Amino acid sequence: MGAKYESYYQAQFKKITPKKQYAGFNIAAFFLGVVWLFYRKMYRYGFMAIGLIVAIGMVEILLGIESSGANIGLAVAFGMFGNTLYKHHVDQQIAKIRQFGNSNVNTELENRGGTNLIVGSILLVIWLGLVALAISAS
């Protein structure tokens, strides 16, 4: 999770219960979407999101519909459920560590957790390049 935002995420995670999965709006997830997932080392969710975006894009092309509505919907979904996805990811990491019998869960979490600034930065540059291409093509 990283020390910088640990208190933020702990407060958000406390809001999540079995009956209430919403844990506040994550503004970084809203604006960065897939980039945020990879930055937070949630690679599986990131690839799933890319697959969803590609599938939605293909349907939009086939049906000849405008894509801005779907893009806004995805951004809102990332913002609304980003913290919940992140908690699920952290819970899975903890379960894996305990499954292998590692006695020092916190140390192992620190080693596995945090962020990946390199991957996040690379994806951000790619995304900005694609946006620039889309703008220049229209």
C-alpha atoms as a PDB file:
ATOM      1  CA  MET A   1       0.000   0.000   0.000  1.00  0.00           C
ATOM      2  CA  GLY A   2       2.854   2.353   0.759  1.00  0.00           C
ATOM      3  CA  ALA A   3       3.305   4.557   3.801  1.00  0.00           C
ATOM      4  CA  LYS A   4       2.298   7.766   2.007  1.00  0.00           C
ATOM      5  CA  TYR A   5      -1.361   6.771   1.533  1.00  0.00           C
ATOM      6  CA  GLU A   6      -1.664   4.052   4.171  1.00  0.00           C
ATOM      7  CA  SER A   7      -3.936   6.088   6.467  1.00  0.00           C
ATOM      8  CA  TYR A   8      -6.158   7.099   3.526  1.00  0.00           C
ATOM      9  CA  TYR A   9      -6.691   3.517   2.376  1.00  0.00           C
ATOM     10  CA  GLN A  10      -7.141   2.177   5.908  1.00  0.00           C
ATOM     11  CA  ALA A  11      -9.923   4.710   6.470  1.00  0.00           C
ATOM     12  CA  GLN A  12     -11.547   3.811   3.141  1.00  0.00           C
ATOM     13  CA  PHE A  13     -11.251   0.061   3.775  1.00  0.00           C
ATOM     14  CA  LYS A  14     -13.087   0.413   7.106  1.00  0.00           C
ATOM     15  CA  LYS A  15     -16.138   1.643   5.178  1.00  0.00           C
ATOM     16  CA  ILE A  16     -16.394  -1.630   3.245  1.00  0.00           C
ATOM     17  CA  THR A  17     -18.714  -4.245   4.714  1.00  0.00           C
ATOM     18  CA  PRO A  18     -20.348  -7.325   3.163  1.00  0.00           C
ATOM     19  CA  LYS A  19     -23.518  -5.258   2.628  1.00  0.00           C
ATOM     20  CA  LYS A  20     -21.798  -2.029   1.597  1.00  0.00           C
ATOM     21  CA  GLN A  21     -19.047  -2.347  -1.009  1.00  0.00           C
ATOM     22  CA  TYR A  22     -18.692   1.382  -1.724  1.00  0.00           C
ATOM     23  CA  ALA A  23     -15.684   2.944   0.013  1.00  0.00           C
ATOM     24  CA  GLY A  24     -15.693   6.514  -1.170  1.00  0.00           C
ATOM     25  CA  PHE A  25     -14.752   8.045  -4.497  1.00  0.00           C
ATOM     26  CA  ASN A  26     -11.131   7.597  -5.603  1.00  0.00           C
ATOM     27  CA  ILE A  27     -10.256  10.623  -7.713  1.00  0.00           C
ATOM     28  CA  ALA A  28      -6.971   9.100  -8.989  1.00  0.00           C
ATOM     29  CA  ALA A  29      -8.785   5.971 -10.187  1.00  0.00           C
ATOM     30  CA  PHE A  30     -11.411   8.190 -11.849  1.00  0.00           C
ATOM     31  CA  PHE A  31      -8.898  10.217 -13.861  1.00  0.00           C
ATOM     32  CA  LEU A  32      -6.251   7.548 -14.506  1.00  0.00           C
ATOM     33  CA  GLY A  33      -8.325   4.342 -14.742  1.00  0.00           C
ATOM     34  CA  VAL A  34      -6.171   1.504 -16.068  1.00  0.00           C
ATOM     35  CA  VAL A  35      -2.977   3.478 -15.396  1.00  0.00           C
ATOM     36  CA  TRP A  36      -3.974   3.659 -11.714  1.00  0.00           C
ATOM     37  CA  LEU A  37      -4.565  -0.110 -11.585  1.00  0.00           C
ATOM     38  CA  PHE A  38      -1.075  -0.852 -12.907  1.00  0.00           C
ATOM     39  CA  TYR A  39       0.486   1.862 -10.712  1.00  0.00           C
ATOM     40  CA  ARG A  40      -1.093   0.149  -7.687  1.00  0.00           C
ATOM     41  CA  LYS A  41       0.275  -3.241  -8.881  1.00  0.00           C
ATOM     42  CA  MET A  42      -3.193  -4.606  -9.593  1.00  0.00           C
ATOM     43  CA  TYR A  43      -2.030  -6.151 -12.854  1.00  0.00           C
ATOM     44  CA  ARG A  44      -4.779  -8.763 -13.185  1.00  0.00           C
ATOM     45  CA  TYR A  45      -7.477  -6.111 -12.805  1.00  0.00           C
ATOM     46  CA  GLY A  46      -5.561  -3.877 -15.207  1.00  0.00           C
ATOM     47  CA  PHE A  47      -5.510  -6.496 -17.950  1.00  0.00           C
ATOM     48  CA  MET A  48      -9.176  -7.301 -17.314  1.00  0.00           C
ATOM     49  CA  ALA A  49     -10.004  -3.595 -17.649  1.00  0.00           C
ATOM     50  CA  ILE A  50      -8.022  -3.344 -20.899  1.00  0.00           C
ATOM     51  CA  GLY A  51      -9.971  -6.337 -22.226  1.00  0.00           C
ATOM     52  CA  LEU A  52     -13.250  -4.687 -21.241  1.00  0.00           C
ATOM     53  CA  ILE A  53     -12.241  -1.405 -22.874  1.00  0.00           C
ATOM     54  CA  VAL A  54     -11.236  -3.179 -26.094  1.00  0.00           C
ATOM     55  CA  ALA A  55     -14.503  -5.154 -26.115  1.00  0.00           C
ATOM     56  CA  ILE A  56     -16.573  -2.007 -25.566  1.00  0.00           C
ATOM     57  CA  GLY A  57     -14.605  -0.229 -28.298  1.00  0.00           C
ATOM     58  CA  MET A  58     -15.245  -3.054 -30.753  1.00  0.00           C
ATOM     59  CA  VAL A  59     -18.974  -3.022 -30.013  1.00  0.00           C
ATOM     60  CA  GLU A  60     -19.061   0.761 -30.456  1.00  0.00           C
ATOM     61  CA  ILE A  61     -17.285   0.493 -33.813  1.00  0.00           C
ATOM     62  CA  LEU A  62     -19.559  -2.312 -35.000  1.00  0.00           C
ATOM     63  CA  LEU A  63     -22.694  -0.442 -33.960  1.00  0.00           C
ATOM     64  CA  GLY A  64     -21.386   2.957 -35.048  1.00  0.00           C
ATOM     65  CA  ILE A  65     -22.098   4.624 -31.710  1.00  0.00           C
ATOM     66  CA  GLU A  66     -20.250   7.418 -29.944  1.00  0.00           C
ATOM     67  CA  SER A  67     -17.765   6.271 -27.322  1.00  0.00           C
ATOM     68  CA  SER A  68     -17.829   9.194 -24.891  1.00  0.00           C
ATOM     69  CA  GLY A  69     -20.723   7.779 -22.853  1.00  0.00           C
ATOM     70  CA  ALA A  70     -18.963   4.472 -22.261  1.00  0.00           C
ATOM     71  CA  ASN A  71     -15.714   6.264 -21.409  1.00  0.00           C
ATOM     72  CA  ILE A  72     -17.447   8.443 -18.846  1.00  0.00           C
ATOM     73  CA  GLY A  73     -19.214   5.402 -17.403  1.00  0.00           C
ATOM     74  CA  LEU A  74     -15.935   3.507 -17.050  1.00  0.00           C
ATOM     75  CA  ALA A  75     -14.241   6.494 -15.415  1.00  0.00           C
ATOM     76  CA  VAL A  76     -17.079   6.819 -12.900  1.00  0.00           C
ATOM     77  CA  ALA A  77     -16.956   3.065 -12.198  1.00  0.00           C
ATOM     78  CA  PHE A  78     -13.192   3.246 -11.588  1.00  0.00           C
ATOM     79  CA  GLY A  79     -13.699   6.184  -9.234  1.00  0.00           C
ATOM     80  CA  MET A  80     -16.572   4.596  -7.345  1.00  0.00           C
ATOM     81  CA  PHE A  81     -15.125   1.105  -6.984  1.00  0.00           C
ATOM     82  CA  GLY A  82     -11.371   1.728  -7.091  1.00  0.00           C
ATOM     83  CA  ASN A  83     -10.979   1.552  -3.318  1.00  0.00           C
ATOM     84  CA  THR A  84     -13.088  -1.611  -3.161  1.00  0.00           C
ATOM     85  CA  LEU A  85     -10.988  -3.263  -5.882  1.00  0.00           C
ATOM     86  CA  TYR A  86      -7.831  -2.245  -4.079  1.00  0.00           C
ATOM     87  CA  LYS A  87      -9.082  -3.725  -0.793  1.00  0.00           C
ATOM     88  CA  HIS A  88      -9.941  -6.963  -2.583  1.00  0.00           C
ATOM     89  CA  HIS A  89      -6.431  -7.000  -4.066  1.00  0.00           C
ATOM     90  CA  VAL A  90      -4.825  -6.414  -0.647  1.00  0.00           C
ATOM     91  CA  ASP A  91      -6.993  -9.132   0.941  1.00  0.00           C
ATOM     92  CA  GLN A  92      -5.894 -11.566  -1.787  1.00  0.00           C
ATOM     93  CA  GLN A  93      -2.233 -10.715  -1.192  1.00  0.00           C
ATOM     94  CA  ILE A  94      -2.628 -11.291   2.556  1.00  0.00           C
ATOM     95  CA  ALA A  95      -4.346 -14.647   1.944  1.00  0.00           C
ATOM     96  CA  LYS A  96      -1.526 -15.759  -0.395  1.00  0.00           C
ATOM     97  CA  ILE A  97       1.126 -14.790   2.136  1.00  0.00           C
ATOM     98  CA  ARG A  98      -0.666 -16.667   4.928  1.00  0.00           C
ATOM     99  CA  GLN A  99      -1.222 -19.679   2.671  1.00  0.00           C
ATOM    100  CA  PHE A 100       2.523 -20.069   2.242  1.00  0.00           C
ATOM    101  CA  GLY A 101       2.983 -19.916   6.001  1.00  0.00           C
ATOM    102  CA  ASN A 102       4.969 -16.713   6.093  1.00  0.00           C
ATOM    103  CA  SER A 103       4.975 -15.655   9.725  1.00  0.00           C
ATOM    104  CA  ASN A 104       5.808 -12.011   9.101  1.00  0.00           C
ATOM    105  CA  VAL A 105       2.842 -10.865   7.020  1.00  0.00           C
ATOM    106  CA  ASN A 106       3.582  -7.143   7.378  1.00  0.00           C
ATOM    107  CA  THR A 107       7.150  -7.430   6.081  1.00  0.00           C
ATOM    108  CA  GLU A 108       6.062  -9.566   3.141  1.00  0.00           C
ATOM    109  CA  LEU A 109       3.223  -7.121   2.362  1.00  0.00           C
ATOM    110  CA  GLU A 110       5.691  -4.241   2.340  1.00  0.00           C
ATOM    111  CA  ASN A 111       7.889  -6.182  -0.086  1.00  0.00           C
ATOM    112  CA  ARG A 112       4.980  -7.020  -2.420  1.00  0.00           C
ATOM    113  CA  GLY A 113       2.939  -3.862  -1.961  1.00  0.00           C
ATOM    114  CA  GLY A 114       3.444  -0.226  -2.704  1.00  0.00           C
ATOM    115  CA  THR A 115       3.328   1.172  -6.180  1.00  0.00           C
ATOM    116  CA  ASN A 116       5.044   0.649  -9.516  1.00  0.00           C
ATOM    117  CA  LEU A 117       5.917   4.119 -10.731  1.00  0.00           C
ATOM    118  CA  ILE A 118       7.749   2.827 -13.811  1.00  0.00           C
ATOM    119  CA  VAL A 119       4.831   0.819 -15.225  1.00  0.00           C
ATOM    120  CA  GLY A 120       2.377   3.563 -14.281  1.00  0.00           C
ATOM    121  CA  SER A 121       4.512   6.195 -16.013  1.00  0.00           C
ATOM    122  CA  ILE A 122       4.975   4.104 -19.161  1.00  0.00           C
ATOM    123  CA  LEU A 123       1.235   3.477 -19.423  1.00  0.00           C
ATOM    124  CA  LEU A 124       0.492   7.148 -18.809  1.00  0.00           C
ATOM    125  CA  VAL A 125       2.813   8.159 -21.667  1.00  0.00           C
ATOM    126  CA  ILE A 126       1.220   5.549 -23.962  1.00  0.00           C
ATOM    127  CA  TRP A 127      -2.269   6.720 -22.979  1.00  0.00           C
ATOM    128  CA  LEU A 128      -1.396  10.383 -23.575  1.00  0.00           C
ATOM    129  CA  GLY A 129       0.089   9.430 -26.951  1.00  0.00           C
ATOM    130  CA  LEU A 130      -3.104   7.612 -27.920  1.00  0.00           C
ATOM    131  CA  VAL A 131      -5.186  10.603 -26.848  1.00  0.00           C
ATOM    132  CA  ALA A 132      -2.979  12.890 -28.951  1.00  0.00           C
ATOM    133  CA  LEU A 133      -3.379  10.551 -31.944  1.00  0.00           C
ATOM    134  CA  ALA A 134      -7.144  10.477 -31.514  1.00  0.00           C
ATOM    135  CA  ILE A 135      -7.311  14.268 -31.312  1.00  0.00           C
ATOM    136  CA  SER A 136      -5.116  14.745 -34.377  1.00  0.00           C
ATOM    137  CA  ALA A 137      -7.147  12.201 -36.372  1.00  0.00           C
ATOM    138  CA  SER A 138     -10.434  13.994 -35.762  1.00  0.00           C
END
